[in-house]
N, C-alpha and C. Protein backbone atom coordinates (compact mmCIF):
# COMPACT_ATOMS: atom_id res chain seq x y z
N UNK A 1 98.93 35.78 132.70
CA UNK A 1 99.46 35.95 133.68
C UNK A 1 100.46 34.62 134.67
N UNK A 2 100.62 33.91 133.79
CA UNK A 2 101.21 32.44 134.23
C UNK A 2 102.50 32.92 133.82
N UNK A 3 103.73 32.87 134.89
CA UNK A 3 105.14 33.27 134.44
C UNK A 3 106.03 31.91 134.58
N UNK A 4 106.52 31.58 133.18
CA UNK A 4 107.55 30.47 133.24
C UNK A 4 108.84 30.80 134.18
N UNK A 5 108.99 29.87 134.89
CA UNK A 5 110.47 29.63 135.58
C UNK A 5 111.56 28.67 135.05
N UNK A 6 112.73 29.42 134.55
CA UNK A 6 113.18 28.29 133.68
C UNK A 6 113.86 27.33 134.53
N UNK A 7 114.52 28.14 135.55
CA UNK A 7 115.11 27.49 136.72
C UNK A 7 114.66 26.01 137.46
N UNK A 8 113.32 26.32 137.53
CA UNK A 8 112.55 25.54 138.28
C UNK A 8 111.80 24.61 137.19
N UNK A 9 111.47 24.98 136.06
CA UNK A 9 110.97 24.37 134.88
C UNK A 9 109.46 24.06 135.53
N UNK A 10 108.96 25.17 135.83
CA UNK A 10 107.53 25.23 136.11
C UNK A 10 107.02 26.75 135.93
N UNK A 11 105.79 26.55 135.81
CA UNK A 11 105.17 28.10 135.89
C UNK A 11 104.78 28.45 137.29
N UNK A 12 104.58 29.90 137.50
CA UNK A 12 104.17 30.44 138.68
C UNK A 12 102.79 31.16 138.34
N UNK A 13 101.98 30.72 139.27
CA UNK A 13 100.72 31.35 138.91
C UNK A 13 100.56 32.70 139.84
N UNK A 14 99.46 33.30 139.47
CA UNK A 14 99.22 34.91 139.89
C UNK A 14 98.92 34.72 141.58
N UNK A 15 98.91 33.49 142.15
CA UNK A 15 98.89 33.52 143.62
C UNK A 15 100.01 32.97 144.20
N UNK A 16 101.34 33.17 143.22
CA UNK A 16 102.80 32.49 143.81
C UNK A 16 102.75 31.15 144.18
N UNK A 17 101.96 30.26 143.49
CA UNK A 17 102.14 28.79 143.62
C UNK A 17 102.62 28.34 142.13
N UNK A 18 103.46 27.20 142.44
CA UNK A 18 104.23 26.39 141.51
C UNK A 18 103.25 25.57 140.77
N UNK A 19 103.06 25.41 139.44
CA UNK A 19 102.65 24.68 138.52
C UNK A 19 103.85 23.76 137.89
N UNK A 20 103.87 22.49 137.87
CA UNK A 20 104.75 21.93 137.75
C UNK A 20 104.72 20.70 136.56
N UNK A 21 105.95 20.34 136.18
CA UNK A 21 105.68 19.57 134.68
C UNK A 21 105.67 18.29 135.05
N UNK A 22 104.32 17.66 134.60
CA UNK A 22 103.98 16.38 134.97
C UNK A 22 104.40 15.32 133.91
N UNK A 23 104.49 15.31 132.76
CA UNK A 23 104.61 14.46 131.68
C UNK A 23 104.67 14.99 130.20
N UNK A 24 105.14 14.48 129.34
CA UNK A 24 105.03 14.91 128.09
C UNK A 24 104.27 14.58 127.07
N UNK A 25 103.94 15.23 125.96
CA UNK A 25 102.83 14.86 125.04
C UNK A 25 103.63 14.86 123.86
N UNK A 26 103.20 13.92 123.05
CA UNK A 26 103.64 13.87 121.43
C UNK A 26 102.59 14.73 120.97
N UNK A 27 102.60 15.51 119.94
CA UNK A 27 101.53 15.86 119.24
C UNK A 27 101.70 15.44 117.85
N UNK A 28 100.78 15.25 117.16
CA UNK A 28 100.70 14.38 115.99
C UNK A 28 101.35 15.27 114.89
N UNK A 29 101.58 16.51 115.17
CA UNK A 29 102.75 16.90 113.86
C UNK A 29 104.02 16.92 114.65
N UNK A 30 104.35 15.95 115.36
CA UNK A 30 105.56 15.68 115.50
C UNK A 30 106.20 16.67 116.34
N UNK A 31 105.35 17.40 117.36
CA UNK A 31 106.29 18.39 118.48
C UNK A 31 106.24 17.60 119.69
N UNK A 32 106.86 18.02 120.39
CA UNK A 32 107.11 17.31 121.67
C UNK A 32 106.61 18.77 122.66
N UNK A 33 105.54 18.46 123.18
CA UNK A 33 104.63 19.38 124.32
C UNK A 33 104.98 18.59 125.84
N UNK A 34 105.14 19.64 126.92
CA UNK A 34 105.03 19.36 128.36
C UNK A 34 103.97 19.57 128.72
N UNK A 35 103.65 18.97 129.61
CA UNK A 35 102.39 19.31 130.49
C UNK A 35 102.47 19.76 131.96
N UNK A 36 102.09 20.88 132.12
CA UNK A 36 102.17 21.39 133.40
C UNK A 36 100.61 21.24 134.34
N UNK A 37 100.50 20.83 135.45
CA UNK A 37 99.31 20.81 135.88
C UNK A 37 99.73 21.45 137.75
N UNK A 38 98.75 22.05 138.01
CA UNK A 38 98.70 22.56 139.34
C UNK A 38 98.48 21.20 140.27
N UNK A 39 98.12 21.84 141.81
CA UNK A 39 97.83 21.23 142.65
C UNK A 39 96.36 21.57 143.08
N UNK A 40 95.77 20.50 142.87
CA UNK A 40 94.03 20.64 143.22
C UNK A 40 93.90 21.20 144.46
N UNK A 41 94.69 20.69 145.39
CA UNK A 41 94.88 21.28 146.78
C UNK A 41 94.78 23.01 146.53
N UNK A 42 96.03 23.15 146.19
CA UNK A 42 96.27 24.76 146.11
C UNK A 42 95.28 25.30 145.56
N UNK A 43 94.62 25.02 144.06
CA UNK A 43 93.81 25.36 143.51
C UNK A 43 92.40 25.80 144.33
N UNK A 44 92.04 24.70 145.08
CA UNK A 44 90.78 24.71 145.98
C UNK A 44 90.82 25.69 147.00
N UNK A 45 92.28 26.00 147.64
CA UNK A 45 92.46 27.08 148.76
C UNK A 45 92.64 28.43 147.90
N UNK A 46 92.65 28.40 146.80
CA UNK A 46 93.06 29.84 146.20
C UNK A 46 91.75 30.92 146.47
N UNK A 47 92.12 31.78 146.93
CA UNK A 47 91.43 33.34 147.09
C UNK A 47 91.37 33.71 145.49
N UNK A 48 91.80 33.48 144.67
CA UNK A 48 91.73 33.93 142.99
C UNK A 48 91.49 32.93 142.10
N UNK A 49 90.67 31.98 142.59
CA UNK A 49 90.50 30.95 141.88
C UNK A 49 89.58 31.08 140.69
N UNK A 50 88.71 31.79 140.86
CA UNK A 50 87.55 32.22 139.93
C UNK A 50 88.45 33.13 138.55
N UNK A 51 89.34 33.70 139.03
CA UNK A 51 89.79 34.38 137.77
C UNK A 51 91.21 33.02 136.85
N UNK A 52 91.13 32.12 137.59
CA UNK A 52 92.09 31.28 136.58
C UNK A 52 91.18 29.98 136.13
N UNK A 53 90.16 29.60 136.55
CA UNK A 53 89.33 28.47 136.36
C UNK A 53 88.16 28.31 136.19
N UNK A 54 87.52 27.45 135.46
CA UNK A 54 86.29 27.70 135.38
C UNK A 54 85.36 26.85 136.45
N UNK A 55 84.38 27.04 136.35
CA UNK A 55 83.26 26.25 137.68
C UNK A 55 83.61 25.13 138.01
N UNK A 56 83.68 24.21 136.68
CA UNK A 56 83.92 22.67 137.16
C UNK A 56 85.21 22.31 136.93
N UNK A 57 86.33 23.33 136.57
CA UNK A 57 87.64 23.04 136.68
C UNK A 57 88.47 22.99 137.71
N UNK A 58 89.09 21.46 138.21
CA UNK A 58 90.01 21.39 139.62
C UNK A 58 90.97 21.91 139.77
N UNK A 59 91.67 22.21 138.64
CA UNK A 59 93.18 22.86 138.44
C UNK A 59 93.27 23.29 137.49
N UNK A 60 94.84 24.14 137.30
CA UNK A 60 95.18 24.77 136.39
C UNK A 60 96.00 23.50 135.24
N UNK A 61 96.00 23.65 134.17
CA UNK A 61 96.82 22.86 133.19
C UNK A 61 97.14 23.58 131.99
N UNK A 62 98.46 23.35 131.88
CA UNK A 62 99.04 24.26 130.42
C UNK A 62 99.89 23.19 129.90
N UNK A 63 100.18 23.93 128.49
CA UNK A 63 101.41 23.17 127.86
C UNK A 63 102.44 23.79 127.50
N UNK A 64 103.64 23.41 127.08
CA UNK A 64 104.85 24.21 126.99
C UNK A 64 105.61 23.26 125.93
N UNK A 65 105.86 23.79 124.72
CA UNK A 65 106.55 23.44 123.36
C UNK A 65 107.96 23.16 124.09
N UNK A 66 108.67 22.00 123.77
CA UNK A 66 109.97 21.82 124.03
C UNK A 66 111.01 22.96 123.55
N UNK A 67 110.89 23.48 122.88
CA UNK A 67 111.58 24.38 121.86
C UNK A 67 111.00 26.15 122.18
N UNK A 68 110.10 25.98 123.37
CA UNK A 68 109.23 27.33 123.62
C UNK A 68 110.46 28.54 123.66
N UNK A 69 111.42 28.32 124.23
CA UNK A 69 112.65 29.68 124.83
C UNK A 69 112.85 29.98 123.32
N UNK A 70 113.21 29.29 122.29
CA UNK A 70 113.59 29.84 121.07
C UNK A 70 112.34 31.07 120.75
N UNK A 71 111.15 30.85 120.69
CA UNK A 71 110.07 31.69 120.29
C UNK A 71 110.10 33.08 121.46
N UNK A 72 110.40 32.60 122.48
CA UNK A 72 110.28 33.88 123.38
C UNK A 72 111.39 34.61 123.37
N UNK A 73 112.50 34.01 122.71
CA UNK A 73 113.74 34.78 122.75
C UNK A 73 113.64 35.81 121.24
N UNK A 74 112.95 34.98 120.47
CA UNK A 74 112.87 35.40 119.01
C UNK A 74 111.99 36.89 119.37
N UNK A 75 110.72 36.82 119.90
CA UNK A 75 109.50 37.70 120.17
C UNK A 75 110.28 38.75 121.26
N UNK A 76 111.31 38.48 122.12
CA UNK A 76 111.89 39.52 122.98
C UNK A 76 112.87 40.19 121.95
N UNK A 77 113.80 39.82 121.28
CA UNK A 77 114.18 40.44 120.07
C UNK A 77 113.53 41.18 119.20
N UNK A 78 112.53 41.13 118.84
CA UNK A 78 111.76 41.97 117.96
C UNK A 78 111.15 42.94 118.42
N UNK A 79 111.27 42.94 119.79
CA UNK A 79 110.11 44.29 120.77
C UNK A 79 111.57 45.31 120.80
N UNK A 80 112.75 45.22 120.42
CA UNK A 80 114.04 46.01 120.69
C UNK A 80 113.59 47.42 119.68
N UNK A 81 114.17 48.26 119.92
CA UNK A 81 113.89 49.48 119.18
C UNK A 81 114.63 49.19 117.58
N UNK A 82 115.73 49.16 117.99
CA UNK A 82 116.69 48.75 116.48
C UNK A 82 115.89 47.39 115.70
N UNK A 83 114.92 46.38 116.30
CA UNK A 83 114.20 45.54 115.42
C UNK A 83 113.19 46.49 114.57
N UNK A 84 112.34 47.13 115.48
CA UNK A 84 111.32 48.04 115.11
C UNK A 84 111.64 48.95 114.08
N UNK A 85 112.79 49.59 114.25
CA UNK A 85 113.34 50.53 112.97
C UNK A 85 113.31 49.60 111.80
N UNK A 86 114.19 48.41 111.92
CA UNK A 86 114.40 47.65 110.61
C UNK A 86 113.09 47.30 110.05
N UNK A 87 112.06 46.69 110.90
CA UNK A 87 110.93 46.56 110.46
C UNK A 87 110.02 47.54 109.53
N UNK A 88 110.40 49.02 110.37
CA UNK A 88 109.44 49.88 109.48
C UNK A 88 110.52 50.11 108.21
N UNK A 89 111.44 50.15 108.19
CA UNK A 89 112.41 50.33 107.07
C UNK A 89 111.73 49.39 105.71
N UNK A 90 111.94 48.18 106.33
CA UNK A 90 111.41 46.95 105.03
C UNK A 90 110.13 47.64 104.63
N UNK A 91 109.20 47.78 105.78
CA UNK A 91 107.98 47.90 105.21
C UNK A 91 107.57 49.15 104.18
N UNK A 92 108.33 50.04 104.60
CA UNK A 92 108.83 51.31 103.99
C UNK A 92 109.13 51.18 102.38
N UNK A 93 110.31 50.22 102.06
CA UNK A 93 110.74 49.68 101.15
C UNK A 93 109.72 48.83 100.07
N UNK A 94 108.91 48.11 100.66
CA UNK A 94 107.65 47.28 100.25
C UNK A 94 106.89 47.97 99.22
N UNK A 95 106.77 49.24 100.31
CA UNK A 95 105.78 50.06 99.83
C UNK A 95 105.81 51.06 98.65
N UNK A 96 107.05 51.30 98.63
CA UNK A 96 107.50 51.90 97.27
C UNK A 96 107.91 51.24 96.17
N UNK A 97 107.87 49.85 96.20
CA UNK A 97 108.04 49.11 94.90
C UNK A 97 106.75 48.72 94.54
N UNK A 98 105.71 48.67 95.17
CA UNK A 98 104.51 48.38 94.91
C UNK A 98 103.64 49.48 93.84
């Protein structure tokens, strides 16, 4: 339920607060992941805190891959009626070959 805002390079939580990028992490498999962390003050005052955080968690933290937009675009394209029709056709062709 956290939505990425490309223009602000931040996530927006369900309570409409920004979760800003803080630093980058380099994973062992050579991926650059960006770290986003909410304000502890915002989370403490949040009326829906129980839906986002565990009992002992002080603030929301998430990561985003530096090329995540490519995956998001691909996934959106795969949800079109045209793409679904192509996939269905390919599956039918594979079934007839077997």
